Amino acid sequence: MSDISISRLPITGMIGLRGDLSSLGKVVKAVTGCALPDQRMCTSADGHTLLWMSRDELLLTCNAEAAEAIASDLRSRLSGVFATVANISSARQVFELKGQGVESLLANVMPVDFARLDASEVRRTRMAQVPAAIWRHDGGWRLMCFRSVADYADGLLRAARPVGA
């Protein structure tokens, strides 16, 4: 019998940042301690995780209660720089997946070679019919999708578990 657990996490603070990554990276490091991640990677410091999303986009995850204050600080420090900082905490749902066999479960619903995924790599992909992002976290996985499709994603993940899990 499998010990796979699938949990919806409470609202996670999320701040979307767009602009020149070197400018954004310096300011985010000063505010959170997170270094600028390489392409398709993430970095963490002091309870924050900074995810590379595209060549001009980063996503900072943090405590939900602190998100607006952090976003405000980032906006202030980026004043005069061509950049966008938005608190998008309510836009997405984060799931935590743990246990033996999670990679097999995920491989059933998304086209990712999990054996080749680096420990700090972020993969933006699709999970069946919905966009998703996935990365390793504390011995398990974090999966993020739009909140509007969270019920579908939850049902899909549970249906993809091995029989008896």
Protein backbone atom coordinates (compact mmCIF):
# COMPACT_ATOMS: atom_id res chain seq x y z
CA MET A 1 0.00 0.00 0.00
CA SER A 2 1.26 3.45 -0.90
CA ASP A 3 1.79 6.21 1.63
CA ILE A 4 1.19 9.08 -0.81
CA SER A 5 -0.32 12.17 0.77
CA ILE A 6 -1.91 15.00 -1.19
CA SER A 7 -2.61 18.19 0.75
CA ARG A 8 -4.01 21.55 -0.29
CA LEU A 9 -1.96 24.17 1.48
CA PRO A 10 -3.54 27.27 2.99
CA ILE A 11 -3.23 30.39 0.86
CA THR A 12 0.44 30.93 0.11
CA GLY A 13 1.79 34.43 -0.28
CA MET A 14 2.81 34.93 -3.91
CA ILE A 15 4.34 37.96 -5.50
CA GLY A 16 4.73 38.07 -9.25
CA LEU A 17 7.66 40.11 -10.54
CA ARG A 18 8.30 41.06 -14.16
CA GLY A 19 11.18 43.04 -15.58
CA ASP A 20 14.92 42.77 -16.03
CA LEU A 21 15.93 39.80 -13.89
CA SER A 22 19.27 41.24 -12.79
CA SER A 23 17.53 44.36 -11.43
CA LEU A 24 14.77 42.32 -9.82
CA GLY A 25 17.23 39.81 -8.38
CA LYS A 26 19.27 42.43 -6.51
CA VAL A 27 16.20 43.95 -4.89
CA VAL A 28 14.58 40.60 -4.02
CA LYS A 29 17.83 39.42 -2.42
CA ALA A 30 18.01 42.59 -0.32
CA VAL A 31 14.41 42.14 0.87
CA THR A 32 14.19 38.34 1.28
CA GLY A 33 17.70 36.90 1.17
CA CYS A 34 16.81 34.77 -1.88
CA ALA A 35 19.47 34.77 -4.57
CA LEU A 36 18.43 35.15 -8.21
CA PRO A 37 17.76 31.60 -9.45
CA ASP A 38 19.21 30.28 -12.68
CA GLN A 39 16.88 29.42 -15.54
CA ARG A 40 14.16 26.92 -14.46
CA MET A 41 15.49 26.85 -10.89
CA CYS A 42 14.46 28.14 -7.47
CA THR A 43 16.28 29.44 -4.42
CA SER A 44 15.14 29.71 -0.81
CA ALA A 45 16.01 31.78 2.25
CA ASP A 46 14.27 32.60 5.52
CA GLY A 47 10.93 31.00 4.60
CA HIS A 48 10.83 32.56 1.12
CA THR A 49 11.22 30.74 -2.20
CA LEU A 50 12.07 32.55 -5.43
CA LEU A 51 11.12 30.69 -8.60
CA TRP A 52 12.33 31.43 -12.12
CA MET A 53 9.22 31.52 -14.31
CA SER A 54 10.50 32.96 -17.60
CA ARG A 55 13.30 35.16 -18.93
CA ASP A 56 11.57 38.24 -17.49
CA GLU A 57 9.46 36.78 -14.69
CA LEU A 58 10.02 35.59 -11.13
CA LEU A 59 7.57 34.32 -8.53
CA LEU A 60 8.26 34.85 -4.84
CA THR A 61 6.41 32.64 -2.36
CA CYS A 62 6.19 33.78 1.24
CA ASN A 63 3.93 33.86 4.27
CA ALA A 64 0.48 35.03 3.08
CA GLU A 65 0.16 37.59 5.87
CA ALA A 66 3.46 39.20 4.89
CA ALA A 67 2.88 39.24 1.11
CA GLU A 68 1.44 42.73 0.79
CA ALA A 69 4.13 44.30 2.99
CA ILE A 70 6.87 42.53 1.02
CA ALA A 71 5.28 43.55 -2.29
CA SER A 72 5.06 47.15 -1.09
CA ASP A 73 8.73 47.12 -0.03
CA LEU A 74 9.74 45.66 -3.41
CA ARG A 75 7.67 48.29 -5.28
CA SER A 76 9.28 51.05 -3.25
CA ARG A 77 12.81 49.78 -3.87
CA LEU A 78 12.08 49.30 -7.59
CA SER A 79 10.71 52.82 -8.00
CA GLY A 80 12.05 54.22 -11.27
CA VAL A 81 12.88 50.75 -12.61
CA PHE A 82 10.76 49.30 -15.42
CA ALA A 83 9.21 46.45 -13.42
CA THR A 84 5.90 45.05 -12.26
CA VAL A 85 5.31 43.79 -8.72
CA ALA A 86 1.92 42.24 -7.97
CA ASN A 87 0.54 40.43 -4.95
CA ILE A 88 -1.12 37.44 -6.62
CA SER A 89 -1.60 35.33 -3.50
CA SER A 90 -5.25 34.56 -4.15
CA ALA A 91 -4.72 33.53 -7.79
CA ARG A 92 -3.14 30.12 -7.26
CA GLN A 93 -3.47 26.99 -5.17
CA VAL A 94 -0.42 25.10 -3.92
CA PHE A 95 -0.54 21.38 -3.17
CA GLU A 96 2.00 19.40 -1.17
CA LEU A 97 2.63 15.83 -2.30
CA LYS A 98 4.69 13.41 -0.22
CA GLY A 99 5.41 9.73 0.02
CA GLN A 100 6.89 6.87 -1.91
CA GLY A 101 5.63 6.79 -5.49
CA VAL A 102 4.76 10.49 -5.85
CA GLU A 103 6.95 10.81 -8.95
CA SER A 104 5.09 7.92 -10.61
CA LEU A 105 1.75 9.50 -9.75
CA LEU A 106 2.86 12.83 -11.21
CA ALA A 107 4.29 11.18 -14.33
CA ASN A 108 0.80 9.79 -14.99
CA VAL A 109 -0.66 13.29 -15.26
CA MET A 110 2.17 15.45 -16.65
CA PRO A 111 4.86 15.05 -19.32
CA VAL A 112 7.91 15.40 -17.07
CA ASP A 113 10.89 13.09 -16.60
CA PHE A 114 11.09 13.34 -12.83
CA ALA A 115 14.26 11.23 -12.63
CA ARG A 116 16.11 13.98 -14.51
CA LEU A 117 14.63 16.92 -12.60
CA ASP A 118 17.32 18.69 -10.59
CA ALA A 119 16.75 19.18 -6.84
CA SER A 120 16.10 22.92 -7.19
CA GLU A 121 14.51 22.85 -10.64
CA VAL A 122 11.09 24.35 -11.31
CA ARG A 123 9.10 22.86 -14.15
CA ARG A 124 6.24 24.73 -15.76
CA THR A 125 4.13 22.21 -17.59
CA ARG A 126 0.58 21.00 -17.93
CA MET A 127 -1.20 18.57 -15.67
CA ALA A 128 -3.72 16.87 -17.94
CA GLN A 129 -5.56 19.94 -19.28
CA VAL A 130 -4.37 22.66 -16.89
CA PRO A 131 -1.16 24.68 -16.55
CA ALA A 132 0.90 23.80 -13.50
CA ALA A 133 4.32 24.33 -11.96
CA ILE A 134 6.15 21.79 -9.83
CA TRP A 135 9.28 21.78 -7.68
CA ARG A 136 10.84 19.72 -4.87
CA HIS A 137 10.27 20.90 -1.32
CA ASP A 138 11.15 19.34 2.07
CA GLY A 139 11.41 15.76 0.83
CA GLY A 140 8.26 16.05 -1.27
CA TRP A 141 6.83 18.15 -4.05
CA ARG A 142 4.98 21.43 -4.34
CA LEU A 143 2.52 21.70 -7.20
CA MET A 144 0.92 25.00 -8.14
CA CYS A 145 -2.09 25.63 -10.38
CA PHE A 146 -4.68 28.35 -10.81
CA ARG A 147 -7.16 28.43 -7.93
CA SER A 148 -10.05 28.27 -10.42
CA VAL A 149 -9.02 24.71 -11.39
CA ALA A 150 -7.91 23.54 -7.92
CA ASP A 151 -10.87 21.17 -7.45
CA TYR A 152 -10.14 19.56 -10.82
CA ALA A 153 -6.42 19.26 -9.97
CA ASP A 154 -7.19 17.75 -6.56
CA GLY A 155 -9.54 15.19 -8.07
CA LEU A 156 -7.07 14.34 -10.82
CA LEU A 157 -4.21 13.81 -8.37
CA ARG A 158 -6.34 11.59 -6.13
CA ALA A 159 -7.62 9.56 -9.09
CA ALA A 160 -4.04 9.03 -10.32
CA ARG A 161 -2.90 7.46 -7.03
CA PRO A 162 -2.15 3.75 -7.15
CA VAL A 163 -4.99 1.45 -6.11
CA GLY A 164 -5.05 1.16 -2.33
CA ALA A 165 -3.21 4.43 -1.74
